[in-house]
Amino acid sequence: MNIYVSNLGFGVQNEDLKKLFTPYGDVSSVNVIMDKVTNRSRGFGFVDMPSAEAAETAIKELNGVSVEGRSIKVNEAKPREERSSGGRNYY
């Protein structure tokens, strides 16, 4: 199950998220999203756990927990929606 984690501090890195989720089960992958220009965290990331049961437990237990002084939000990731062109069509 893919898990969306938001409100992360700028210092949180992939390894930090992995350590946070590992007590709840196996973690397949972790990806803190980085800004391409500043190379700093954008404040959110994704954690993939193969067991849906472990992932649901992690979501329930970690949602609202304080990490680096910030209360993180943890939910099941939703599929990415296609972005529109802003309503402008150029031909």
PDB file of N, CA and C in Angstrom:
ATOM      1  N   MET A   1       0.854  -1.178   0.000  1.00  0.00           N
ATOM      2  CA  MET A   1       0.000   0.000   0.000  1.00  0.00           C
ATOM      3  C   MET A   1       0.897   1.236   0.000  1.00  0.00           C
ATOM      4  N   ASN A   2       0.525   2.198  -0.817  1.00  0.00           N
ATOM      5  CA  ASN A   2       1.272   3.441  -0.899  1.00  0.00           C
ATOM      6  C   ASN A   2       0.687   4.443   0.101  1.00  0.00           C
ATOM      7  N   ILE A   3       1.532   5.046   0.915  1.00  0.00           N
ATOM      8  CA  ILE A   3       1.102   5.949   1.987  1.00  0.00           C
ATOM      9  C   ILE A   3       1.652   7.347   1.720  1.00  0.00           C
ATOM     10  N   TYR A   4       0.791   8.343   1.857  1.00  0.00           N
ATOM     11  CA  TYR A   4       1.161   9.748   1.674  1.00  0.00           C
ATOM     12  C   TYR A   4       1.421  10.353   3.051  1.00  0.00           C
ATOM     13  N   VAL A   5       2.572  11.002   3.216  1.00  0.00           N
ATOM     14  CA  VAL A   5       2.941  11.629   4.489  1.00  0.00           C
ATOM     15  C   VAL A   5       3.200  13.103   4.217  1.00  0.00           C
ATOM     16  N   SER A   6       2.463  13.986   4.913  1.00  0.00           N
ATOM     17  CA  SER A   6       2.636  15.425   4.679  1.00  0.00           C
ATOM     18  C   SER A   6       2.952  16.163   5.978  1.00  0.00           C
ATOM     19  N   ASN A   7       3.261  17.436   5.825  1.00  0.00           N
ATOM     20  CA  ASN A   7       3.660  18.332   6.910  1.00  0.00           C
ATOM     21  C   ASN A   7       4.999  17.915   7.526  1.00  0.00           C
ATOM     22  N   LEU A   8       5.879  17.404   6.671  1.00  0.00           N
ATOM     23  CA  LEU A   8       7.212  17.008   7.128  1.00  0.00           C
ATOM     24  C   LEU A   8       8.105  18.236   7.267  1.00  0.00           C
ATOM     25  N   GLY A   9       8.987  18.206   8.248  1.00  0.00           N
ATOM     26  CA  GLY A   9       9.983  19.256   8.380  1.00  0.00           C
ATOM     27  C   GLY A   9      10.977  19.167   7.238  1.00  0.00           C
ATOM     28  N   PHE A  10      11.636  20.280   6.930  1.00  0.00           N
ATOM     29  CA  PHE A  10      12.566  20.309   5.806  1.00  0.00           C
ATOM     30  C   PHE A  10      13.780  19.416   6.016  1.00  0.00           C
ATOM     31  N   GLY A  11      14.064  19.038   7.258  1.00  0.00           N
ATOM     32  CA  GLY A  11      15.220  18.187   7.539  1.00  0.00           C
ATOM     33  C   GLY A  11      14.942  16.701   7.439  1.00  0.00           C
ATOM     34  N   VAL A  12      13.682  16.307   7.284  1.00  0.00           N
ATOM     35  CA  VAL A  12      13.325  14.890   7.234  1.00  0.00           C
ATOM     36  C   VAL A  12      13.782  14.300   5.897  1.00  0.00           C
ATOM     37  N   GLN A  13      14.500  13.182   5.973  1.00  0.00           N
ATOM     38  CA  GLN A  13      15.015  12.519   4.779  1.00  0.00           C
ATOM     39  C   GLN A  13      14.435  11.117   4.670  1.00  0.00           C
ATOM     40  N   ASN A  14      14.724  10.452   3.548  1.00  0.00           N
ATOM     41  CA  ASN A  14      14.183   9.109   3.305  1.00  0.00           C
ATOM     42  C   ASN A  14      14.443   8.159   4.465  1.00  0.00           C
ATOM     43  N   GLU A  15      15.677   8.153   4.960  1.00  0.00           N
ATOM     44  CA  GLU A  15      16.039   7.224   6.035  1.00  0.00           C
ATOM     45  C   GLU A  15      15.230   7.496   7.310  1.00  0.00           C
ATOM     46  N   ASP A  16      14.929   8.774   7.587  1.00  0.00           N
ATOM     47  CA  ASP A  16      14.127   9.128   8.769  1.00  0.00           C
ATOM     48  C   ASP A  16      12.724   8.536   8.665  1.00  0.00           C
ATOM     49  N   LEU A  17      12.119   8.661   7.481  1.00  0.00           N
ATOM     50  CA  LEU A  17      10.771   8.114   7.291  1.00  0.00           C
ATOM     51  C   LEU A  17      10.788   6.595   7.387  1.00  0.00           C
ATOM     52  N   LYS A  18      11.800   5.981   6.825  1.00  0.00           N
ATOM     53  CA  LYS A  18      11.897   4.520   6.889  1.00  0.00           C
ATOM     54  C   LYS A  18      11.971   4.045   8.339  1.00  0.00           C
ATOM     55  N   LYS A  19      12.783   4.721   9.154  1.00  0.00           N
ATOM     56  CA  LYS A  19      12.903   4.359  10.573  1.00  0.00           C
ATOM     57  C   LYS A  19      11.575   4.538  11.306  1.00  0.00           C
ATOM     58  N   LEU A  20      10.812   5.551  10.907  1.00  0.00           N
ATOM     59  CA  LEU A  20       9.525   5.833  11.548  1.00  0.00           C
ATOM     60  C   LEU A  20       8.500   4.732  11.247  1.00  0.00           C
ATOM     61  N   PHE A  21       8.507   4.205  10.019  1.00  0.00           N
ATOM     62  CA  PHE A  21       7.502   3.229   9.591  1.00  0.00           C
ATOM     63  C   PHE A  21       7.905   1.783   9.820  1.00  0.00           C
ATOM     64  N   THR A  22       9.195   1.482   9.889  1.00  0.00           N
ATOM     65  CA  THR A  22       9.670   0.105  10.014  1.00  0.00           C
ATOM     66  C   THR A  22       9.104  -0.657  11.212  1.00  0.00           C
ATOM     67  N   PRO A  23       8.885  -0.038  12.385  1.00  0.00           N
ATOM     68  CA  PRO A  23       8.315  -0.808  13.495  1.00  0.00           C
ATOM     69  C   PRO A  23       6.928  -1.395  13.205  1.00  0.00           C
ATOM     70  N   TYR A  24       6.257  -0.916  12.175  1.00  0.00           N
ATOM     71  CA  TYR A  24       4.901  -1.388  11.846  1.00  0.00           C
ATOM     72  C   TYR A  24       4.906  -2.469  10.780  1.00  0.00           C
ATOM     73  N   GLY A  25       6.058  -2.716  10.141  1.00  0.00           N
ATOM     74  CA  GLY A  25       6.147  -3.754   9.120  1.00  0.00           C
ATOM     75  C   GLY A  25       7.205  -3.421   8.084  1.00  0.00           C
ATOM     76  N   ASP A  26       7.303  -4.294   7.083  1.00  0.00           N
ATOM     77  CA  ASP A  26       8.281  -4.086   6.019  1.00  0.00           C
ATOM     78  C   ASP A  26       7.972  -2.824   5.232  1.00  0.00           C
ATOM     79  N   VAL A  27       9.031  -2.113   4.866  1.00  0.00           N
ATOM     80  CA  VAL A  27       8.908  -0.909   4.046  1.00  0.00           C
ATOM     81  C   VAL A  27       9.604  -1.190   2.719  1.00  0.00           C
ATOM     82  N   SER A  28       8.842  -1.158   1.612  1.00  0.00           N
ATOM     83  CA  SER A  28       9.405  -1.442   0.286  1.00  0.00           C
ATOM     84  C   SER A  28      10.218  -0.274  -0.237  1.00  0.00           C
ATOM     85  N   SER A  29       9.660   0.935  -0.079  1.00  0.00           N
ATOM     86  CA  SER A  29      10.360   2.123  -0.573  1.00  0.00           C
ATOM     87  C   SER A  29       9.894   3.363   0.166  1.00  0.00           C
ATOM     88  N   VAL A  30      10.755   4.360   0.145  1.00  0.00           N
ATOM     89  CA  VAL A  30      10.467   5.651   0.773  1.00  0.00           C
ATOM     90  C   VAL A  30      10.947   6.730  -0.191  1.00  0.00           C
ATOM     91  N   ASN A  31      10.144   7.779  -0.346  1.00  0.00           N
ATOM     92  CA  ASN A  31      10.539   8.859  -1.241  1.00  0.00           C
ATOM     93  C   ASN A  31      10.068  10.196  -0.689  1.00  0.00           C
ATOM     94  N   VAL A  32      10.987  10.950  -0.068  1.00  0.00           N
ATOM     95  CA  VAL A  32      10.681  12.321   0.347  1.00  0.00           C
ATOM     96  C   VAL A  32      10.856  13.169  -0.902  1.00  0.00           C
ATOM     97  N   ILE A  33       9.842  13.931  -1.272  1.00  0.00           N
ATOM     98  CA  ILE A  33       9.873  14.721  -2.502  1.00  0.00           C
ATOM     99  C   ILE A  33      10.730  15.968  -2.281  1.00  0.00           C
ATOM    100  N   MET A  34      11.710  16.135  -3.170  1.00  0.00           N
ATOM    101  CA  MET A  34      12.659  17.241  -3.050  1.00  0.00           C
ATOM    102  C   MET A  34      12.393  18.297  -4.117  1.00  0.00           C
ATOM    103  N   ASP A  35      12.611  19.559  -3.761  1.00  0.00           N
ATOM    104  CA  ASP A  35      12.493  20.657  -4.715  1.00  0.00           C
ATOM    105  C   ASP A  35      13.695  20.594  -5.648  1.00  0.00           C
ATOM    106  N   LYS A  36      13.440  20.679  -6.954  1.00  0.00           N
ATOM    107  CA  LYS A  36      14.528  20.558  -7.936  1.00  0.00           C
ATOM    108  C   LYS A  36      15.492  21.733  -7.898  1.00  0.00           C
ATOM    109  N   VAL A  37      15.012  22.908  -7.514  1.00  0.00           N
ATOM    110  CA  VAL A  37      15.861  24.099  -7.517  1.00  0.00           C
ATOM    111  C   VAL A  37      16.675  24.210  -6.234  1.00  0.00           C
ATOM    112  N   THR A  38      16.003  24.103  -5.076  1.00  0.00           N
ATOM    113  CA  THR A  38      16.689  24.308  -3.794  1.00  0.00           C
ATOM    114  C   THR A  38      17.269  23.018  -3.208  1.00  0.00           C
ATOM    115  N   ASN A  39      16.823  21.869  -3.729  1.00  0.00           N
ATOM    116  CA  ASN A  39      17.232  20.560  -3.223  1.00  0.00           C
ATOM    117  C   ASN A  39      16.845  20.363  -1.756  1.00  0.00           C
ATOM    118  N   ARG A  40      15.784  21.063  -1.325  1.00  0.00           N
ATOM    119  CA  ARG A  40      15.225  20.866   0.023  1.00  0.00           C
ATOM    120  C   ARG A  40      13.922  20.095  -0.094  1.00  0.00           C
ATOM    121  N   SER A  41      13.539  19.465   0.994  1.00  0.00           N
ATOM    122  CA  SER A  41      12.278  18.737   1.028  1.00  0.00           C
ATOM    123  C   SER A  41      11.124  19.681   0.722  1.00  0.00           C
ATOM    124  N   ARG A  42      10.129  19.173   0.013  1.00  0.00           N
ATOM    125  CA  ARG A  42       8.934  19.964  -0.269  1.00  0.00           C
ATOM    126  C   ARG A  42       7.896  19.770   0.836  1.00  0.00           C
ATOM    127  N   GLY A  43       8.237  18.989   1.860  1.00  0.00           N
ATOM    128  CA  GLY A  43       7.348  18.833   3.015  1.00  0.00           C
ATOM    129  C   GLY A  43       6.398  17.652   2.931  1.00  0.00           C
ATOM    130  N   PHE A  44       6.596  16.790   1.933  1.00  0.00           N
ATOM    131  CA  PHE A  44       5.765  15.594   1.857  1.00  0.00           C
ATOM    132  C   PHE A  44       6.547  14.468   1.203  1.00  0.00           C
ATOM    133  N   GLY A  45       6.023  13.256   1.364  1.00  0.00           N
ATOM    134  CA  GLY A  45       6.685  12.098   0.776  1.00  0.00           C
ATOM    135  C   GLY A  45       5.751  10.906   0.745  1.00  0.00           C
ATOM    136  N   PHE A  46       6.289   9.781   0.277  1.00  0.00           N
ATOM    137  CA  PHE A  46       5.513   8.558   0.131  1.00  0.00           C
ATOM    138  C   PHE A  46       6.279   7.400   0.730  1.00  0.00           C
ATOM    139  N   VAL A  47       5.535   6.490   1.361  1.00  0.00           N
ATOM    140  CA  VAL A  47       6.105   5.273   1.927  1.00  0.00           C
ATOM    141  C   VAL A  47       5.290   4.120   1.354  1.00  0.00           C
ATOM    142  N   ASP A  48       5.963   3.093   0.841  1.00  0.00           N
ATOM    143  CA  ASP A  48       5.264   1.929   0.301  1.00  0.00           C
ATOM    144  C   ASP A  48       5.509   0.737   1.211  1.00  0.00           C
ATOM    145  N   MET A  49       4.402   0.136   1.657  1.00  0.00           N
ATOM    146  CA  MET A  49       4.478  -1.046   2.512  1.00  0.00           C
ATOM    147  C   MET A  49       3.723  -2.184   1.825  1.00  0.00           C
ATOM    148  N   PRO A  50       4.357  -3.358   1.670  1.00  0.00           N
ATOM    149  CA  PRO A  50       3.705  -4.458   0.954  1.00  0.00           C
ATOM    150  C   PRO A  50       2.464  -5.018   1.653  1.00  0.00           C
ATOM    151  N   SER A  51       2.425  -4.954   2.959  1.00  0.00           N
ATOM    152  CA  SER A  51       1.284  -5.481   3.712  1.00  0.00           C
ATOM    153  C   SER A  51       0.260  -4.377   3.964  1.00  0.00           C
ATOM    154  N   ALA A  52      -0.948  -4.560   3.432  1.00  0.00           N
ATOM    155  CA  ALA A  52      -2.013  -3.570   3.636  1.00  0.00           C
ATOM    156  C   ALA A  52      -2.362  -3.455   5.121  1.00  0.00           C
ATOM    157  N   GLU A  53      -2.334  -4.574   5.828  1.00  0.00           N
ATOM    158  CA  GLU A  53      -2.654  -4.563   7.260  1.00  0.00           C
ATOM    159  C   GLU A  53      -1.628  -3.744   8.046  1.00  0.00           C
ATOM    160  N   ALA A  54      -0.344  -3.943   7.758  1.00  0.00           N
ATOM    161  CA  ALA A  54       0.716  -3.183   8.427  1.00  0.00           C
ATOM    162  C   ALA A  54       0.615  -1.708   8.078  1.00  0.00           C
ATOM    163  N   ALA A  55       0.300  -1.421   6.821  1.00  0.00           N
ATOM    164  CA  ALA A  55       0.176  -0.031   6.378  1.00  0.00           C
ATOM    165  C   ALA A  55      -0.980   0.667   7.087  1.00  0.00           C
ATOM    166  N   GLU A  56      -2.106  -0.009   7.212  1.00  0.00           N
ATOM    167  CA  GLU A  56      -3.259   0.586   7.896  1.00  0.00           C
ATOM    168  C   GLU A  56      -2.949   0.854   9.364  1.00  0.00           C
ATOM    169  N   THR A  57      -2.210  -0.055   9.999  1.00  0.00           N
ATOM    170  CA  THR A  57      -1.809   0.146  11.392  1.00  0.00           C
ATOM    171  C   THR A  57      -0.873   1.348  11.495  1.00  0.00           C
ATOM    172  N   ALA A  58       0.083   1.447  10.583  1.00  0.00           N
ATOM    173  CA  ALA A  58       1.018   2.573  10.592  1.00  0.00           C
ATOM    174  C   ALA A  58       0.282   3.892  10.400  1.00  0.00           C
ATOM    175  N   ILE A  59      -0.674   3.919   9.489  1.00  0.00           N
ATOM    176  CA  ILE A  59      -1.450   5.138   9.244  1.00  0.00           C
ATOM    177  C   ILE A  59      -2.177   5.559  10.514  1.00  0.00           C
ATOM    178  N   LYS A  60      -2.831   4.595  11.151  1.00  0.00           N
ATOM    179  CA  LYS A  60      -3.597   4.894  12.359  1.00  0.00           C
ATOM    180  C   LYS A  60      -2.697   5.377  13.503  1.00  0.00           C
ATOM    181  N   GLU A  61      -1.546   4.729  13.653  1.00  0.00           N
ATOM    182  CA  GLU A  61      -0.652   5.045  14.769  1.00  0.00           C
ATOM    183  C   GLU A  61       0.180   6.317  14.545  1.00  0.00           C
ATOM    184  N   LEU A  62       0.536   6.612  13.296  1.00  0.00           N
ATOM    185  CA  LEU A  62       1.460   7.725  13.034  1.00  0.00           C
ATOM    186  C   LEU A  62       0.775   9.032  12.649  1.00  0.00           C
ATOM    187  N   ASN A  63      -0.492   8.980  12.245  1.00  0.00           N
ATOM    188  CA  ASN A  63      -1.189  10.215  11.877  1.00  0.00           C
ATOM    189  C   ASN A  63      -1.287  11.129  13.095  1.00  0.00           C
ATOM    190  N   GLY A  64      -0.750  12.348  12.968  1.00  0.00           N
ATOM    191  CA  GLY A  64      -0.795  13.308  14.068  1.00  0.00           C
ATOM    192  C   GLY A  64       0.428  13.288  14.977  1.00  0.00           C
ATOM    193  N   VAL A  65       1.339  12.339  14.764  1.00  0.00           N
ATOM    194  CA  VAL A  65       2.548  12.236  15.581  1.00  0.00           C
ATOM    195  C   VAL A  65       3.477  13.412  15.268  1.00  0.00           C
ATOM    196  N   SER A  66       4.186  13.890  16.275  1.00  0.00           N
ATOM    197  CA  SER A  66       5.115  14.997  16.090  1.00  0.00           C
ATOM    198  C   SER A  66       6.479  14.480  15.632  1.00  0.00           C
ATOM    199  N   VAL A  67       6.934  14.997  14.486  1.00  0.00           N
ATOM    200  CA  VAL A  67       8.253  14.662  13.945  1.00  0.00           C
ATOM    201  C   VAL A  67       8.969  15.978  13.686  1.00  0.00           C
ATOM    202  N   GLU A  68      10.104  16.157  14.336  1.00  0.00           N
ATOM    203  CA  GLU A  68      10.861  17.410  14.259  1.00  0.00           C
ATOM    204  C   GLU A  68       9.980  18.619  14.580  1.00  0.00           C
ATOM    205  N   GLY A  69       9.109  18.449  15.579  1.00  0.00           N
ATOM    206  CA  GLY A  69       8.267  19.552  16.041  1.00  0.00           C
ATOM    207  C   GLY A  69       7.049  19.843  15.183  1.00  0.00           C
ATOM    208  N   ARG A  70       6.781  18.990  14.179  1.00  0.00           N
ATOM    209  CA  ARG A  70       5.621  19.193  13.312  1.00  0.00           C
ATOM    210  C   ARG A  70       4.713  17.974  13.384  1.00  0.00           C
ATOM    211  N   SER A  71       3.421  18.213  13.453  1.00  0.00           N
ATOM    212  CA  SER A  71       2.437  17.138  13.494  1.00  0.00           C
ATOM    213  C   SER A  71       2.194  16.631  12.072  1.00  0.00           C
ATOM    214  N   ILE A  72       2.687  15.417  11.784  1.00  0.00           N
ATOM    215  CA  ILE A  72       2.573  14.896  10.426  1.00  0.00           C
ATOM    216  C   ILE A  72       1.166  14.366  10.148  1.00  0.00           C
ATOM    217  N   LYS A  73       0.811  14.370   8.877  1.00  0.00           N
ATOM    218  CA  LYS A  73      -0.457  13.793   8.424  1.00  0.00           C
ATOM    219  C   LYS A  73      -0.121  12.564   7.592  1.00  0.00           C
ATOM    220  N   VAL A  74      -0.782  11.457   7.900  1.00  0.00           N
ATOM    221  CA  VAL A  74      -0.488  10.189   7.238  1.00  0.00           C
ATOM    222  C   VAL A  74      -1.798   9.586   6.735  1.00  0.00           C
ATOM    223  N   ASN A  75      -1.898   9.334   5.420  1.00  0.00           N
ATOM    224  CA  ASN A  75      -3.087   8.708   4.842  1.00  0.00           C
ATOM    225  C   ASN A  75      -2.686   7.820   3.674  1.00  0.00           C
ATOM    226  N   GLU A  76      -3.648   7.019   3.232  1.00  0.00           N
ATOM    227  CA  GLU A  76      -3.414   6.216   2.039  1.00  0.00           C
ATOM    228  C   GLU A  76      -3.269   7.167   0.858  1.00  0.00           C
ATOM    229  N   ALA A  77      -2.266   6.934   0.030  1.00  0.00           N
ATOM    230  CA  ALA A  77      -2.043   7.799  -1.138  1.00  0.00           C
ATOM    231  C   ALA A  77      -3.147   7.566  -2.161  1.00  0.00           C
ATOM    232  N   LYS A  78      -3.596   8.645  -2.758  1.00  0.00           N
ATOM    233  CA  LYS A  78      -4.597   8.564  -3.814  1.00  0.00           C
ATOM    234  C   LYS A  78      -3.874   8.621  -5.160  1.00  0.00           C
ATOM    235  N   PRO A  79      -4.471   8.037  -6.192  1.00  0.00           N
ATOM    236  CA  PRO A  79      -3.835   8.106  -7.517  1.00  0.00           C
ATOM    237  C   PRO A  79      -3.650   9.554  -7.950  1.00  0.00           C
ATOM    238  N   ARG A  80      -2.554   9.817  -8.621  1.00  0.00           N
ATOM    239  CA  ARG A  80      -2.254  11.170  -9.076  1.00  0.00           C
ATOM    240  C   ARG A  80      -3.225  11.569 -10.180  1.00  0.00           C
ATOM    241  N   GLU A  81      -3.801  12.761 -10.032  1.00  0.00           N
ATOM    242  CA  GLU A  81      -4.731  13.258 -11.041  1.00  0.00           C
ATOM    243  C   GLU A  81      -3.961  13.992 -12.118  1.00  0.00           C
ATOM    244  N   GLU A  82      -4.443  13.871 -13.336  1.00  0.00           N
ATOM    245  CA  GLU A  82      -3.836  14.596 -14.442  1.00  0.00           C
ATOM    246  C   GLU A  82      -4.112  16.080 -14.270  1.00  0.00           C
ATOM    247  N   ARG A  83      -3.111  16.889 -14.507  1.00  0.00           N
ATOM    248  CA  ARG A  83      -3.278  18.340 -14.409  1.00  0.00           C
ATOM    249  C   ARG A  83      -3.855  18.859 -15.714  1.00  0.00           C
ATOM    250  N   SER A  84      -4.743  19.823 -15.596  1.00  0.00           N
ATOM    251  CA  SER A  84      -5.273  20.441 -16.812  1.00  0.00           C
ATOM    252  C   SER A  84      -4.315  21.543 -17.263  1.00  0.00           C
ATOM    253  N   SER A  85      -4.549  22.067 -18.426  1.00  0.00           N
ATOM    254  CA  SER A  85      -3.676  23.122 -18.950  1.00  0.00           C
ATOM    255  C   SER A  85      -4.119  24.493 -18.471  1.00  0.00           C
ATOM    256  N   GLY A  86      -4.944  24.520 -17.431  1.00  0.00           N
ATOM    257  CA  GLY A  86      -5.394  25.796 -16.897  1.00  0.00           C
ATOM    258  C   GLY A  86      -6.531  26.401 -17.688  1.00  0.00           C
ATOM    259  N   GLY A  87      -7.173  25.576 -18.504  1.00  0.00           N
ATOM    260  CA  GLY A  87      -8.322  26.067 -19.271  1.00  0.00           C
ATOM    261  C   GLY A  87      -7.967  26.778 -20.555  1.00  0.00           C
ATOM    262  N   ARG A  88      -6.690  26.868 -20.854  1.00  0.00           N
ATOM    263  CA  ARG A  88      -6.277  27.554 -22.073  1.00  0.00           C
ATOM    264  C   ARG A  88      -5.846  26.512 -23.103  1.00  0.00           C
ATOM    265  N   ASN A  89      -6.369  26.639 -24.255  1.00  0.00           N
ATOM    266  CA  ASN A  89      -5.971  25.766 -25.339  1.00  0.00           C
ATOM    267  C   ASN A  89      -5.251  26.578 -26.400  1.00  0.00           C
ATOM    268  N   TYR A  90      -4.061  26.197 -26.700  1.00  0.00           N
ATOM    269  CA  TYR A  90      -3.281  26.894 -27.714  1.00  0.00           C
ATOM    270  C   TYR A  90      -3.198  26.007 -28.942  1.00  0.00           C
ATOM    271  N   TYR A  91      -3.463  26.596 -30.095  1.00  0.00           N
ATOM    272  CA  TYR A  91      -3.422  25.836 -31.355  1.00  0.00           C
ATOM    273  C   TYR A  91      -2.434  26.422 -32.295  1.00  0.00           C
TER     274      TYR A  91
END
